[in-house]
Amino acid sequence: MTYKEFLELLEELQLDLDSASEALDLEISDIEAWEEEEEIPKSAEKWIKKEKVEFATLNNTNEDEDFEDEEDENLDDDDDLDLPVEEEEEEEK
């Protein structure tokens, strides 16, 4: 992975060099020096790929799950309804 690809992934993941520096326990200047290299260190590549997987997992939405949540919310709204069903049954007896 090149330095440019690394920067693009950081941007995609909404991270910056400060975040990478902290996670990799390196100075920002050390990371910026990778621009002169053909590839970034394997440890950095492994870290950014792991971050990408975690980011995708956190942002993965399932419309069916959202739909179930909406149904649950609608059930709470039924509490406000005034239904005299029980009273009518008692009167019929």
Protein backbone atom coordinates (compact mmCIF):
# COMPACT_ATOMS: atom_id res chain seq x y z
CA MET A 1 0.00 0.00 0.00
CA THR A 2 1.33 3.40 -0.92
CA TYR A 3 1.34 6.50 1.25
CA LYS A 4 -1.29 8.08 -1.02
CA GLU A 5 -3.58 5.05 -0.61
CA PHE A 6 -3.04 5.23 3.13
CA LEU A 7 -4.09 8.89 3.20
CA GLU A 8 -7.14 8.13 1.08
CA LEU A 9 -8.22 5.40 3.50
CA LEU A 10 -7.70 7.73 6.44
CA GLU A 11 -9.98 10.26 4.79
CA GLU A 12 -12.57 7.60 3.97
CA LEU A 13 -12.56 6.50 7.60
CA GLN A 14 -12.79 10.11 8.76
CA LEU A 15 -9.43 9.84 10.52
CA ASP A 16 -6.40 12.10 10.36
CA LEU A 17 -2.65 11.79 10.78
CA ASP A 18 -3.00 12.54 14.49
CA SER A 19 -5.24 9.48 14.89
CA ALA A 20 -2.85 7.31 12.90
CA SER A 21 0.11 8.65 14.84
CA GLU A 22 -1.53 7.81 18.16
CA ALA A 23 -2.72 4.36 17.08
CA LEU A 24 0.64 3.40 15.58
CA ASP A 25 2.66 5.05 18.36
CA LEU A 26 4.66 7.11 15.86
CA GLU A 27 5.40 10.77 15.32
CA ILE A 28 3.46 12.46 12.52
CA SER A 29 6.75 13.31 10.86
CA ASP A 30 7.59 9.58 10.77
CA ILE A 31 4.31 8.87 8.98
CA GLU A 32 4.83 11.75 6.56
CA ALA A 33 8.26 10.31 5.72
CA TRP A 34 6.50 7.31 4.16
CA GLU A 35 5.68 9.53 1.20
CA GLU A 36 9.25 8.98 0.01
CA GLU A 37 8.93 5.18 0.30
CA GLU A 38 7.35 2.81 -2.22
CA GLU A 39 5.18 1.21 0.45
CA ILE A 40 4.10 2.00 3.97
CA PRO A 41 5.15 -0.36 6.80
CA LYS A 42 3.14 -3.58 7.04
CA SER A 43 2.07 -2.72 10.60
CA ALA A 44 0.46 0.50 9.36
CA GLU A 45 -1.22 -1.31 6.48
CA LYS A 46 -2.58 -3.93 8.87
CA TRP A 47 -3.89 -1.24 11.23
CA ILE A 48 -5.65 0.80 8.53
CA LYS A 49 -7.29 -2.31 7.06
CA LYS A 50 -8.52 -3.31 10.53
CA GLU A 51 -9.94 0.19 11.00
CA LYS A 52 -11.70 -0.08 7.65
CA VAL A 53 -13.37 -3.35 8.65
CA GLU A 54 -14.47 -1.90 11.99
CA PHE A 55 -15.76 1.25 10.29
CA ALA A 56 -17.77 -0.81 7.81
CA THR A 57 -19.21 -2.91 10.61
CA LEU A 58 -20.28 0.15 12.58
CA ASN A 59 -21.88 1.78 9.56
CA ASN A 60 -23.57 -1.33 8.20
CA THR A 61 -27.30 -0.81 8.38
CA ASN A 62 -29.98 -3.34 7.77
CA GLU A 63 -33.31 -1.90 6.70
CA ASP A 64 -35.17 -4.86 8.21
CA GLU A 65 -33.70 -4.12 11.62
CA ASP A 66 -34.72 -0.47 11.31
CA PHE A 67 -38.21 -1.57 10.35
CA GLU A 68 -38.51 -3.70 13.49
CA ASP A 69 -37.36 -0.76 15.60
CA GLU A 70 -40.06 1.41 14.03
CA GLU A 71 -42.68 -1.23 14.80
CA ASP A 72 -41.59 -1.30 18.43
CA GLU A 73 -41.87 2.48 18.60
CA ASN A 74 -45.40 2.32 17.17
CA LEU A 75 -46.41 -0.18 19.83
CA ASP A 76 -45.54 2.35 22.48
CA ASP A 77 -47.92 4.83 20.84
CA ASP A 78 -50.83 2.39 21.34
CA ASP A 79 -50.64 2.98 25.08
CA ASP A 80 -52.42 6.29 24.57
CA LEU A 81 -55.45 4.73 22.89
CA ASP A 82 -58.60 4.49 24.96
CA LEU A 83 -60.22 1.23 23.94
CA PRO A 84 -63.31 0.15 25.86
CA VAL A 85 -63.07 -3.46 24.69
CA GLU A 86 -63.06 -4.95 28.19
CA GLU A 87 -66.05 -2.88 29.30
CA GLU A 88 -68.14 -4.00 26.34
CA GLU A 89 -67.36 -7.66 27.06
CA GLU A 90 -68.44 -7.27 30.66
CA GLU A 91 -71.74 -5.62 29.68
CA GLU A 92 -72.59 -8.52 27.34
CA LYS A 93 -72.27 -11.06 30.19
